[in-house]
Amino acid sequence: MVSVRQVKAARALLAWSQSALAEASGVSEPTVARLEAQEGDLGGRAETGAKIIATLEAAGVIFLAENGEGAGVRLQKQRGSAPISIAVEDLTAENDE
């Protein structure tokens, strides 16, 4: 089961507002807000929770089950994209110009 805190954390990782989650999942914004105002497991209708969870997972969120350390979320690495890295020297050179 996914908790409300995990949903909020997932939105934070994606930098999504409640409105963005509502639009992406097809769940109304007032429903998202109402569900997130609760504590504990994600409530509401089973199909509503399933839509929210499926949408977040499709966006790359991985829900981590309680394992003694606490439940959590992780953002999946983007497939096929190289990590972005910038050398400190490059940043310094740009500022000197």
N, C-alpha and C. Protein backbone atom coordinates (compact mmCIF):
# COMPACT_ATOMS: atom_id res chain seq x y z
N MET A 1 0.84 -1.18 0.00
CA MET A 1 0.00 0.00 0.00
C MET A 1 0.89 1.24 0.00
N VAL A 2 0.47 2.28 -0.69
CA VAL A 2 1.19 3.54 -0.80
C VAL A 2 0.57 4.55 0.17
N SER A 3 1.41 5.29 0.86
CA SER A 3 0.91 6.28 1.81
C SER A 3 0.76 7.64 1.15
N VAL A 4 -0.01 8.49 1.83
CA VAL A 4 -0.18 9.87 1.37
C VAL A 4 1.18 10.58 1.35
N ARG A 5 2.00 10.35 2.35
CA ARG A 5 3.33 10.98 2.39
C ARG A 5 4.18 10.56 1.19
N GLN A 6 4.05 9.31 0.77
CA GLN A 6 4.80 8.85 -0.40
C GLN A 6 4.31 9.58 -1.66
N VAL A 7 3.02 9.78 -1.77
CA VAL A 7 2.48 10.50 -2.93
C VAL A 7 3.00 11.93 -2.94
N LYS A 8 2.98 12.58 -1.79
CA LYS A 8 3.50 13.95 -1.70
C LYS A 8 5.00 14.00 -2.03
N ALA A 9 5.74 13.03 -1.54
CA ALA A 9 7.18 12.97 -1.82
C ALA A 9 7.42 12.72 -3.30
N ALA A 10 6.60 11.88 -3.90
CA ALA A 10 6.73 11.59 -5.33
C ALA A 10 6.48 12.85 -6.15
N ARG A 11 5.45 13.61 -5.79
CA ARG A 11 5.19 14.87 -6.48
C ARG A 11 6.36 15.82 -6.34
N ALA A 12 6.95 15.86 -5.15
CA ALA A 12 8.10 16.74 -4.92
C ALA A 12 9.29 16.34 -5.80
N LEU A 13 9.55 15.05 -5.92
CA LEU A 13 10.65 14.58 -6.76
C LEU A 13 10.44 14.98 -8.22
N LEU A 14 9.19 14.96 -8.65
CA LEU A 14 8.87 15.30 -10.04
C LEU A 14 8.67 16.80 -10.24
N ALA A 15 8.64 17.56 -9.13
CA ALA A 15 8.33 18.99 -9.17
C ALA A 15 6.95 19.23 -9.77
N TRP A 16 6.01 18.39 -9.38
CA TRP A 16 4.62 18.49 -9.85
C TRP A 16 3.76 19.12 -8.76
N SER A 17 2.85 19.96 -9.16
CA SER A 17 1.84 20.50 -8.26
C SER A 17 0.68 19.49 -8.17
N GLN A 18 -0.24 19.75 -7.26
CA GLN A 18 -1.44 18.91 -7.21
C GLN A 18 -2.19 19.01 -8.53
N SER A 19 -2.19 20.20 -9.10
CA SER A 19 -2.86 20.42 -10.39
C SER A 19 -2.24 19.57 -11.50
N ALA A 20 -0.91 19.52 -11.53
CA ALA A 20 -0.21 18.72 -12.55
C ALA A 20 -0.53 17.23 -12.38
N LEU A 21 -0.54 16.76 -11.13
CA LEU A 21 -0.89 15.35 -10.89
C LEU A 21 -2.32 15.08 -11.30
N ALA A 22 -3.21 15.99 -10.99
CA ALA A 22 -4.62 15.82 -11.36
C ALA A 22 -4.77 15.72 -12.86
N GLU A 23 -4.12 16.63 -13.58
CA GLU A 23 -4.22 16.63 -15.04
C GLU A 23 -3.64 15.36 -15.64
N ALA A 24 -2.48 14.94 -15.16
CA ALA A 24 -1.81 13.76 -15.71
C ALA A 24 -2.57 12.48 -15.41
N SER A 25 -3.23 12.41 -14.25
CA SER A 25 -3.89 11.17 -13.84
C SER A 25 -5.36 11.10 -14.22
N GLY A 26 -5.95 12.23 -14.56
CA GLY A 26 -7.38 12.24 -14.86
C GLY A 26 -8.24 12.25 -13.61
N VAL A 27 -7.64 12.56 -12.48
CA VAL A 27 -8.36 12.69 -11.20
C VAL A 27 -8.52 14.18 -10.96
N SER A 28 -9.67 14.61 -10.46
CA SER A 28 -9.89 16.04 -10.26
C SER A 28 -8.93 16.61 -9.22
N GLU A 29 -8.60 17.89 -9.39
CA GLU A 29 -7.70 18.54 -8.45
C GLU A 29 -8.27 18.56 -7.02
N PRO A 30 -9.58 18.84 -6.84
CA PRO A 30 -10.12 18.78 -5.48
C PRO A 30 -9.99 17.39 -4.85
N THR A 31 -10.08 16.35 -5.66
CA THR A 31 -9.93 14.99 -5.13
C THR A 31 -8.49 14.75 -4.70
N VAL A 32 -7.53 15.18 -5.51
CA VAL A 32 -6.12 15.04 -5.14
C VAL A 32 -5.87 15.78 -3.83
N ALA A 33 -6.36 17.00 -3.73
CA ALA A 33 -6.16 17.81 -2.52
C ALA A 33 -6.81 17.13 -1.31
N ARG A 34 -8.01 16.61 -1.49
CA ARG A 34 -8.70 15.94 -0.38
C ARG A 34 -7.94 14.70 0.08
N LEU A 35 -7.47 13.90 -0.87
CA LEU A 35 -6.73 12.69 -0.52
C LEU A 35 -5.42 13.04 0.18
N GLU A 36 -4.74 14.09 -0.28
CA GLU A 36 -3.47 14.48 0.32
C GLU A 36 -3.63 15.15 1.68
N ALA A 37 -4.84 15.57 2.01
CA ALA A 37 -5.08 16.20 3.31
C ALA A 37 -5.19 15.14 4.42
N GLN A 38 -5.30 13.88 4.04
CA GLN A 38 -5.42 12.78 4.99
C GLN A 38 -4.03 12.36 5.46
N GLU A 39 -3.99 11.51 6.42
CA GLU A 39 -2.75 10.86 6.87
C GLU A 39 -2.90 9.36 6.63
N GLY A 40 -1.80 8.64 6.62
CA GLY A 40 -1.85 7.18 6.48
C GLY A 40 -1.84 6.75 5.03
N ASP A 41 -2.45 5.59 4.78
CA ASP A 41 -2.49 5.04 3.43
C ASP A 41 -3.36 5.91 2.53
N LEU A 42 -3.03 5.93 1.24
CA LEU A 42 -3.80 6.68 0.26
C LEU A 42 -5.22 6.12 0.26
N GLY A 43 -6.17 6.97 0.56
CA GLY A 43 -7.56 6.53 0.67
C GLY A 43 -8.34 6.75 -0.61
N GLY A 44 -9.64 6.91 -0.45
CA GLY A 44 -10.51 7.13 -1.59
C GLY A 44 -10.86 5.83 -2.29
N ARG A 45 -11.47 5.97 -3.43
CA ARG A 45 -11.83 4.79 -4.23
C ARG A 45 -10.56 4.08 -4.71
N ALA A 46 -10.65 2.79 -4.80
CA ALA A 46 -9.48 2.01 -5.23
C ALA A 46 -9.01 2.43 -6.62
N GLU A 47 -9.95 2.68 -7.53
CA GLU A 47 -9.54 3.04 -8.89
C GLU A 47 -8.91 4.44 -8.94
N THR A 48 -9.31 5.32 -8.05
CA THR A 48 -8.70 6.65 -7.99
C THR A 48 -7.25 6.55 -7.53
N GLY A 49 -7.03 5.82 -6.45
CA GLY A 49 -5.67 5.61 -5.97
C GLY A 49 -4.80 4.93 -7.01
N ALA A 50 -5.38 3.95 -7.72
CA ALA A 50 -4.64 3.23 -8.76
C ALA A 50 -4.22 4.17 -9.89
N LYS A 51 -5.09 5.11 -10.26
CA LYS A 51 -4.75 6.07 -11.31
C LYS A 51 -3.59 6.96 -10.87
N ILE A 52 -3.65 7.43 -9.63
CA ILE A 52 -2.60 8.31 -9.12
C ILE A 52 -1.27 7.58 -9.06
N ILE A 53 -1.28 6.38 -8.52
CA ILE A 53 -0.06 5.59 -8.40
C ILE A 53 0.51 5.24 -9.77
N ALA A 54 -0.35 4.81 -10.69
CA ALA A 54 0.11 4.45 -12.03
C ALA A 54 0.71 5.64 -12.76
N THR A 55 0.12 6.81 -12.58
CA THR A 55 0.63 8.03 -13.22
C THR A 55 2.01 8.38 -12.69
N LEU A 56 2.17 8.32 -11.38
CA LEU A 56 3.47 8.64 -10.79
C LEU A 56 4.52 7.61 -11.19
N GLU A 57 4.15 6.35 -11.23
CA GLU A 57 5.09 5.31 -11.66
C GLU A 57 5.47 5.49 -13.12
N ALA A 58 4.51 5.86 -13.97
CA ALA A 58 4.80 6.09 -15.39
C ALA A 58 5.76 7.26 -15.57
N ALA A 59 5.73 8.20 -14.63
CA ALA A 59 6.64 9.35 -14.67
C ALA A 59 8.02 9.03 -14.11
N GLY A 60 8.20 7.80 -13.61
CA GLY A 60 9.52 7.38 -13.15
C GLY A 60 9.67 7.20 -11.65
N VAL A 61 8.58 7.32 -10.90
CA VAL A 61 8.65 7.16 -9.45
C VAL A 61 8.62 5.68 -9.10
N ILE A 62 9.45 5.29 -8.17
CA ILE A 62 9.44 3.93 -7.63
C ILE A 62 9.02 4.05 -6.17
N PHE A 63 7.95 3.36 -5.80
CA PHE A 63 7.49 3.36 -4.42
C PHE A 63 8.21 2.25 -3.66
N LEU A 64 8.84 2.62 -2.55
CA LEU A 64 9.59 1.66 -1.75
C LEU A 64 8.76 1.25 -0.54
N ALA A 65 8.60 -0.04 -0.35
CA ALA A 65 7.81 -0.55 0.76
C ALA A 65 8.56 -0.40 2.08
N GLU A 66 7.82 -0.43 3.15
CA GLU A 66 8.40 -0.41 4.50
C GLU A 66 9.35 -1.60 4.63
N ASN A 67 10.57 -1.33 5.08
CA ASN A 67 11.55 -2.41 5.22
C ASN A 67 12.28 -2.33 6.55
N GLY A 68 11.65 -1.69 7.52
CA GLY A 68 12.30 -1.48 8.80
C GLY A 68 12.94 -0.12 8.89
N GLU A 69 13.21 0.50 7.75
CA GLU A 69 13.79 1.84 7.69
C GLU A 69 12.75 2.88 7.33
N GLY A 70 11.57 2.44 6.98
CA GLY A 70 10.51 3.35 6.58
C GLY A 70 10.24 3.27 5.09
N ALA A 71 8.99 3.50 4.73
CA ALA A 71 8.60 3.51 3.33
C ALA A 71 9.19 4.76 2.66
N GLY A 72 9.30 4.73 1.35
CA GLY A 72 9.86 5.88 0.66
C GLY A 72 9.56 5.88 -0.81
N VAL A 73 10.22 6.77 -1.52
CA VAL A 73 10.11 6.87 -2.97
C VAL A 73 11.49 7.12 -3.56
N ARG A 74 11.62 6.76 -4.79
CA ARG A 74 12.88 7.00 -5.52
C ARG A 74 12.50 7.37 -6.94
N LEU A 75 13.30 8.24 -7.55
CA LEU A 75 13.07 8.61 -8.94
C LEU A 75 14.00 7.79 -9.81
N GLN A 76 13.41 7.07 -10.72
CA GLN A 76 14.15 6.18 -11.62
C GLN A 76 15.08 6.98 -12.51
N LYS A 77 16.25 6.41 -12.80
CA LYS A 77 17.17 7.05 -13.74
C LYS A 77 16.50 7.12 -15.10
N GLN A 78 16.78 8.19 -15.81
CA GLN A 78 16.26 8.34 -17.16
C GLN A 78 17.01 7.40 -18.08
N ARG A 79 16.29 6.59 -18.80
CA ARG A 79 16.93 5.64 -19.71
C ARG A 79 17.46 6.36 -20.94
N GLY A 80 18.66 6.01 -21.31
CA GLY A 80 19.23 6.54 -22.55
C GLY A 80 19.80 7.95 -22.45
N SER A 81 19.74 8.55 -21.29
CA SER A 81 20.32 9.88 -21.19
C SER A 81 21.56 9.84 -20.32
N ALA A 82 22.54 10.54 -20.75
CA ALA A 82 23.79 10.59 -20.00
C ALA A 82 23.64 11.58 -18.85
N PRO A 83 24.31 11.33 -17.75
CA PRO A 83 24.24 12.28 -16.66
C PRO A 83 24.90 13.60 -17.06
N ILE A 84 24.38 14.67 -16.52
CA ILE A 84 24.93 15.99 -16.81
C ILE A 84 26.03 16.28 -15.80
N SER A 85 27.17 16.65 -16.30
CA SER A 85 28.25 17.02 -15.39
C SER A 85 28.94 18.26 -15.95
N ILE A 86 29.26 19.16 -15.07
CA ILE A 86 29.95 20.39 -15.45
C ILE A 86 31.14 20.54 -14.53
N ALA A 87 32.29 20.77 -15.11
CA ALA A 87 33.50 20.96 -14.31
C ALA A 87 33.45 22.32 -13.64
N VAL A 88 34.01 22.39 -12.44
CA VAL A 88 34.06 23.65 -11.71
C VAL A 88 34.82 24.69 -12.52
N GLU A 89 35.86 24.26 -13.23
CA GLU A 89 36.65 25.18 -14.03
C GLU A 89 35.79 25.84 -15.11
N ASP A 90 34.86 25.08 -15.70
CA ASP A 90 33.98 25.63 -16.72
C ASP A 90 33.11 26.74 -16.15
N LEU A 91 32.61 26.56 -14.95
CA LEU A 91 31.78 27.57 -14.32
C LEU A 91 32.59 28.82 -13.99
N THR A 92 33.80 28.60 -13.52
CA THR A 92 34.69 29.72 -13.18
C THR A 92 35.05 30.52 -14.43
N ALA A 93 35.33 29.82 -15.52
CA ALA A 93 35.69 30.49 -16.77
C ALA A 93 34.54 31.35 -17.28
N GLU A 94 33.31 30.88 -17.16
CA GLU A 94 32.17 31.65 -17.62
C GLU A 94 32.00 32.93 -16.81
N ASN A 95 32.26 32.86 -15.53
CA ASN A 95 32.11 34.02 -14.65
C ASN A 95 33.21 35.06 -14.87
N ASP A 96 34.36 34.66 -15.40
CA ASP A 96 35.47 35.57 -15.62
C ASP A 96 35.29 36.41 -16.88
N GLU A 97 34.39 36.00 -17.75
CA GLU A 97 34.22 36.70 -19.04
C GLU A 97 33.46 37.98 -18.91
